[in-house]
Amino acid sequence: MAAVAATSVLFLTNDHRWLAWFAIYRCGAIVVSQAAVLINTDLYIYGIDDEESLLDSRRLLLIGLLHYYELVLWFAVIYRHLAAHFFNGQDIIFLTEAWGTLYYSAATITTLGYGEIRSIHIEGARVVVFQLAAGTFMALIVLSRFVGLIRKG
């Protein structure tokens, strides 16, 4: 999983349509995988036998954090592909550059949204809304796992 996320950074400089579609698929798969926490099937998916084990809870927390980070990278790939759908008012950060897409993705998923880049087409707005929903959901999952660790520890 980490290797897939790391290789997505390498593709930020290239514009491949198939990679953008794969990024959309991967973001959906991450959200579905983490949604398994809500119905307690994460123990089955990740092969954890004893749900009361502190070590297993820490591993689930790390998996959640890794998925959160991976969402930032995959959405950066999507923003790189959809750069023409966004307007940059200050000409400081561009979605055609790798660091610009990573910055915008991180600012969006954390709901900071400084406003220097905004969507000018509905396709861009849809991606931003999906990232906000996925990021908020993932933050709640990771926070709940962290609180669970505090109670067990």
C-alpha atoms as a PDB file:
ATOM      1  CA  MET A   1       0.000   0.000   0.000  1.00  0.00           C
ATOM      2  CA  ALA A   2       2.778   2.433   0.897  1.00  0.00           C
ATOM      3  CA  ALA A   3       4.574   1.554  -2.332  1.00  0.00           C
ATOM      4  CA  VAL A   4       1.478   2.468  -4.345  1.00  0.00           C
ATOM      5  CA  ALA A   5       1.254   5.815  -2.562  1.00  0.00           C
ATOM      6  CA  ALA A   6       4.952   6.503  -3.067  1.00  0.00           C
ATOM      7  CA  THR A   7       4.820   5.730  -6.780  1.00  0.00           C
ATOM      8  CA  SER A   8       1.905   8.127  -7.190  1.00  0.00           C
ATOM      9  CA  VAL A   9       4.275  10.967  -6.276  1.00  0.00           C
ATOM     10  CA  LEU A  10       6.514   9.973  -9.170  1.00  0.00           C
ATOM     11  CA  PHE A  11       3.601  10.320 -11.554  1.00  0.00           C
ATOM     12  CA  LEU A  12       2.688  13.821 -10.384  1.00  0.00           C
ATOM     13  CA  THR A  13       4.969  15.217 -13.049  1.00  0.00           C
ATOM     14  CA  ASN A  14       3.290  13.225 -15.835  1.00  0.00           C
ATOM     15  CA  ASP A  15      -0.197  13.667 -17.161  1.00  0.00           C
ATOM     16  CA  HIS A  16      -1.737  10.234 -17.629  1.00  0.00           C
ATOM     17  CA  ARG A  17      -5.505   9.893 -17.882  1.00  0.00           C
ATOM     18  CA  TRP A  18      -5.386   6.258 -16.708  1.00  0.00           C
ATOM     19  CA  LEU A  19      -3.545   7.312 -13.555  1.00  0.00           C
ATOM     20  CA  ALA A  20      -6.263   9.822 -12.691  1.00  0.00           C
ATOM     21  CA  TRP A  21      -8.919   7.120 -13.045  1.00  0.00           C
ATOM     22  CA  PHE A  22      -6.852   4.754 -10.927  1.00  0.00           C
ATOM     23  CA  ALA A  23      -6.491   7.491  -8.310  1.00  0.00           C
ATOM     24  CA  ILE A  24     -10.277   7.883  -8.198  1.00  0.00           C
ATOM     25  CA  TYR A  25     -10.657   4.132  -7.800  1.00  0.00           C
ATOM     26  CA  ARG A  26      -8.010   3.993  -5.067  1.00  0.00           C
ATOM     27  CA  CYS A  27      -9.598   6.861  -3.098  1.00  0.00           C
ATOM     28  CA  GLY A  28     -12.930   5.050  -3.171  1.00  0.00           C
ATOM     29  CA  ALA A  29     -11.281   1.807  -2.075  1.00  0.00           C
ATOM     30  CA  ILE A  30      -9.612   3.551   0.866  1.00  0.00           C
ATOM     31  CA  VAL A  31     -12.892   5.041   2.062  1.00  0.00           C
ATOM     32  CA  VAL A  32     -14.696   1.693   1.732  1.00  0.00           C
ATOM     33  CA  SER A  33     -11.869  -0.085   3.543  1.00  0.00           C
ATOM     34  CA  GLN A  34     -11.994   2.365   6.412  1.00  0.00           C
ATOM     35  CA  ALA A  35     -15.802   2.252   6.496  1.00  0.00           C
ATOM     36  CA  ALA A  36     -15.396  -1.370   7.547  1.00  0.00           C
ATOM     37  CA  VAL A  37     -14.488   0.023  10.972  1.00  0.00           C
ATOM     38  CA  LEU A  38     -18.077   1.103  11.418  1.00  0.00           C
ATOM     39  CA  ILE A  39     -19.341  -2.455  11.054  1.00  0.00           C
ATOM     40  CA  ASN A  40     -16.373  -4.100  12.807  1.00  0.00           C
ATOM     41  CA  THR A  41     -15.158  -6.062   9.822  1.00  0.00           C
ATOM     42  CA  ASP A  42     -11.724  -4.417   9.997  1.00  0.00           C
ATOM     43  CA  LEU A  43     -10.653  -7.232  12.301  1.00  0.00           C
ATOM     44  CA  TYR A  44     -11.408  -9.716   9.534  1.00  0.00           C
ATOM     45  CA  ILE A  45      -9.913  -7.628   6.717  1.00  0.00           C
ATOM     46  CA  TYR A  46      -6.596  -7.000   8.474  1.00  0.00           C
ATOM     47  CA  GLY A  47      -6.360 -10.437  10.095  1.00  0.00           C
ATOM     48  CA  ILE A  48      -6.618  -9.313  13.691  1.00  0.00           C
ATOM     49  CA  ASP A  49      -7.781 -12.060  16.029  1.00  0.00           C
ATOM     50  CA  ASP A  50      -8.057 -10.333  19.390  1.00  0.00           C
ATOM     51  CA  GLU A  51      -9.878  -7.013  19.202  1.00  0.00           C
ATOM     52  CA  GLU A  52      -8.909  -6.148  22.775  1.00  0.00           C
ATOM     53  CA  SER A  53      -5.194  -6.238  21.993  1.00  0.00           C
ATOM     54  CA  LEU A  54      -3.433  -2.895  22.355  1.00  0.00           C
ATOM     55  CA  LEU A  55      -0.903  -3.804  19.664  1.00  0.00           C
ATOM     56  CA  ASP A  56      -3.672  -4.508  17.171  1.00  0.00           C
ATOM     57  CA  SER A  57      -5.330  -1.169  17.970  1.00  0.00           C
ATOM     58  CA  ARG A  58      -2.049   0.612  17.316  1.00  0.00           C
ATOM     59  CA  ARG A  59      -1.687  -1.196  14.016  1.00  0.00           C
ATOM     60  CA  LEU A  60      -5.195  -0.149  12.972  1.00  0.00           C
ATOM     61  CA  LEU A  61      -4.390   3.444  13.933  1.00  0.00           C
ATOM     62  CA  LEU A  62      -1.245   3.380  11.788  1.00  0.00           C
ATOM     63  CA  ILE A  63      -3.187   1.893   8.874  1.00  0.00           C
ATOM     64  CA  GLY A  64      -5.735   4.705   9.210  1.00  0.00           C
ATOM     65  CA  LEU A  65      -3.005   7.354   9.228  1.00  0.00           C
ATOM     66  CA  LEU A  66      -1.369   5.755   6.199  1.00  0.00           C
ATOM     67  CA  HIS A  67      -4.682   5.778   4.345  1.00  0.00           C
ATOM     68  CA  TYR A  68      -5.185   9.453   5.241  1.00  0.00           C
ATOM     69  CA  TYR A  69      -1.752  10.294   3.828  1.00  0.00           C
ATOM     70  CA  GLU A  70      -2.424   8.164   0.759  1.00  0.00           C
ATOM     71  CA  LEU A  71      -5.641  10.096   0.101  1.00  0.00           C
ATOM     72  CA  VAL A  72      -3.615  13.328   0.010  1.00  0.00           C
ATOM     73  CA  LEU A  73      -1.284  11.833  -2.595  1.00  0.00           C
ATOM     74  CA  TRP A  74      -4.016  10.355  -4.794  1.00  0.00           C
ATOM     75  CA  PHE A  75      -6.073  13.543  -4.765  1.00  0.00           C
ATOM     76  CA  ALA A  76      -2.920  15.428  -5.758  1.00  0.00           C
ATOM     77  CA  VAL A  77      -2.745  13.169  -8.816  1.00  0.00           C
ATOM     78  CA  ILE A  78      -6.388  13.960  -9.618  1.00  0.00           C
ATOM     79  CA  TYR A  79      -5.832  17.709  -9.197  1.00  0.00           C
ATOM     80  CA  ARG A  80      -2.803  17.507 -11.480  1.00  0.00           C
ATOM     81  CA  HIS A  81      -4.986  15.934 -14.143  1.00  0.00           C
ATOM     82  CA  LEU A  82      -7.801  18.478 -13.656  1.00  0.00           C
ATOM     83  CA  ALA A  83      -5.567  21.560 -13.406  1.00  0.00           C
ATOM     84  CA  ALA A  84      -7.497  23.329 -16.196  1.00  0.00           C
ATOM     85  CA  HIS A  85     -10.660  23.206 -14.051  1.00  0.00           C
ATOM     86  CA  PHE A  86      -9.177  25.429 -11.347  1.00  0.00           C
ATOM     87  CA  PHE A  87      -8.322  29.137 -11.206  1.00  0.00           C
ATOM     88  CA  ASN A  88      -5.270  30.478  -9.436  1.00  0.00           C
ATOM     89  CA  GLY A  89      -5.688  34.141  -8.540  1.00  0.00           C
ATOM     90  CA  GLN A  90      -2.265  34.984  -7.107  1.00  0.00           C
ATOM     91  CA  ASP A  91      -0.076  33.007  -9.543  1.00  0.00           C
ATOM     92  CA  ILE A  92       1.928  31.635  -6.610  1.00  0.00           C
ATOM     93  CA  ILE A  93       0.832  28.006  -6.587  1.00  0.00           C
ATOM     94  CA  PHE A  94       0.039  26.113  -9.750  1.00  0.00           C
ATOM     95  CA  LEU A  95      -1.794  22.813 -10.039  1.00  0.00           C
ATOM     96  CA  THR A  96       0.445  21.926 -12.963  1.00  0.00           C
ATOM     97  CA  GLU A  97       3.376  21.499 -10.564  1.00  0.00           C
ATOM     98  CA  ALA A  98       3.852  18.586  -8.152  1.00  0.00           C
ATOM     99  CA  TRP A  99       4.276  20.705  -5.015  1.00  0.00           C
ATOM    100  CA  GLY A 100       1.287  22.843  -5.928  1.00  0.00           C
ATOM    101  CA  THR A 101      -0.996  19.838  -6.202  1.00  0.00           C
ATOM    102  CA  LEU A 102       0.316  18.350  -2.950  1.00  0.00           C
ATOM    103  CA  TYR A 103      -0.189  21.664  -1.180  1.00  0.00           C
ATOM    104  CA  TYR A 104      -3.722  22.103  -2.516  1.00  0.00           C
ATOM    105  CA  SER A 105      -4.649  18.508  -1.692  1.00  0.00           C
ATOM    106  CA  ALA A 106      -3.316  18.790   1.875  1.00  0.00           C
ATOM    107  CA  ALA A 107      -5.028  22.158   2.421  1.00  0.00           C
ATOM    108  CA  THR A 108      -8.311  20.776   1.103  1.00  0.00           C
ATOM    109  CA  ILE A 109      -8.345  17.491   3.037  1.00  0.00           C
ATOM    110  CA  THR A 110      -7.573  19.265   6.303  1.00  0.00           C
ATOM    111  CA  THR A 111     -10.372  21.766   5.487  1.00  0.00           C
ATOM    112  CA  LEU A 112      -7.996  24.737   5.752  1.00  0.00           C
ATOM    113  CA  GLY A 113      -8.732  25.906   2.200  1.00  0.00           C
ATOM    114  CA  TYR A 114      -6.885  29.203   2.006  1.00  0.00           C
ATOM    115  CA  GLY A 115      -8.784  30.208  -1.139  1.00  0.00           C
ATOM    116  CA  GLU A 116      -5.897  31.030  -3.461  1.00  0.00           C
ATOM    117  CA  ILE A 117      -7.043  28.261  -5.811  1.00  0.00           C
ATOM    118  CA  ARG A 118     -10.699  27.719  -6.619  1.00  0.00           C
ATOM    119  CA  SER A 119     -12.733  25.584  -8.951  1.00  0.00           C
ATOM    120  CA  ILE A 120     -14.136  27.181 -12.099  1.00  0.00           C
ATOM    121  CA  HIS A 121     -15.859  24.049 -13.447  1.00  0.00           C
ATOM    122  CA  ILE A 122     -18.285  21.608 -11.861  1.00  0.00           C
ATOM    123  CA  GLU A 123     -15.825  18.706 -12.307  1.00  0.00           C
ATOM    124  CA  GLY A 124     -13.296  20.420 -10.069  1.00  0.00           C
ATOM    125  CA  ALA A 125     -15.944  21.235  -7.480  1.00  0.00           C
ATOM    126  CA  ARG A 126     -17.072  17.601  -7.398  1.00  0.00           C
ATOM    127  CA  VAL A 127     -13.545  16.414  -6.690  1.00  0.00           C
ATOM    128  CA  VAL A 128     -13.113  18.981  -3.911  1.00  0.00           C
ATOM    129  CA  VAL A 129     -16.408  17.966  -2.287  1.00  0.00           C
ATOM    130  CA  PHE A 130     -15.483  14.276  -2.469  1.00  0.00           C
ATOM    131  CA  GLN A 131     -12.077  14.989  -0.934  1.00  0.00           C
ATOM    132  CA  LEU A 132     -13.641  17.037   1.868  1.00  0.00           C
ATOM    133  CA  ALA A 133     -16.097  14.242   2.642  1.00  0.00           C
ATOM    134  CA  ALA A 134     -13.415  11.544   2.503  1.00  0.00           C
ATOM    135  CA  GLY A 135     -10.987  13.609   4.572  1.00  0.00           C
ATOM    136  CA  THR A 136     -13.539  14.382   7.269  1.00  0.00           C
ATOM    137  CA  PHE A 137     -14.590  10.731   7.402  1.00  0.00           C
ATOM    138  CA  MET A 138     -10.973   9.566   7.657  1.00  0.00           C
ATOM    139  CA  ALA A 139     -10.163  12.141  10.348  1.00  0.00           C
ATOM    140  CA  LEU A 140     -13.090  10.892  12.422  1.00  0.00           C
ATOM    141  CA  ILE A 141     -12.006   7.265  11.987  1.00  0.00           C
ATOM    142  CA  VAL A 142      -8.389   8.013  12.964  1.00  0.00           C
ATOM    143  CA  LEU A 143      -9.508  10.165  15.907  1.00  0.00           C
ATOM    144  CA  SER A 144     -11.845   7.457  17.177  1.00  0.00           C
ATOM    145  CA  ARG A 145      -9.051   4.882  16.990  1.00  0.00           C
ATOM    146  CA  PHE A 146      -6.708   7.224  18.853  1.00  0.00           C
ATOM    147  CA  VAL A 147      -9.290   7.805  21.591  1.00  0.00           C
ATOM    148  CA  GLY A 148      -9.772   4.041  21.777  1.00  0.00           C
ATOM    149  CA  LEU A 149      -6.041   3.638  22.356  1.00  0.00           C
ATOM    150  CA  ILE A 150      -6.089   6.197  25.157  1.00  0.00           C
ATOM    151  CA  ARG A 151      -8.896   4.330  26.923  1.00  0.00           C
ATOM    152  CA  LYS A 152      -7.128   0.962  26.577  1.00  0.00           C
ATOM    153  CA  GLY A 153      -3.681   2.294  27.462  1.00  0.00           C
END
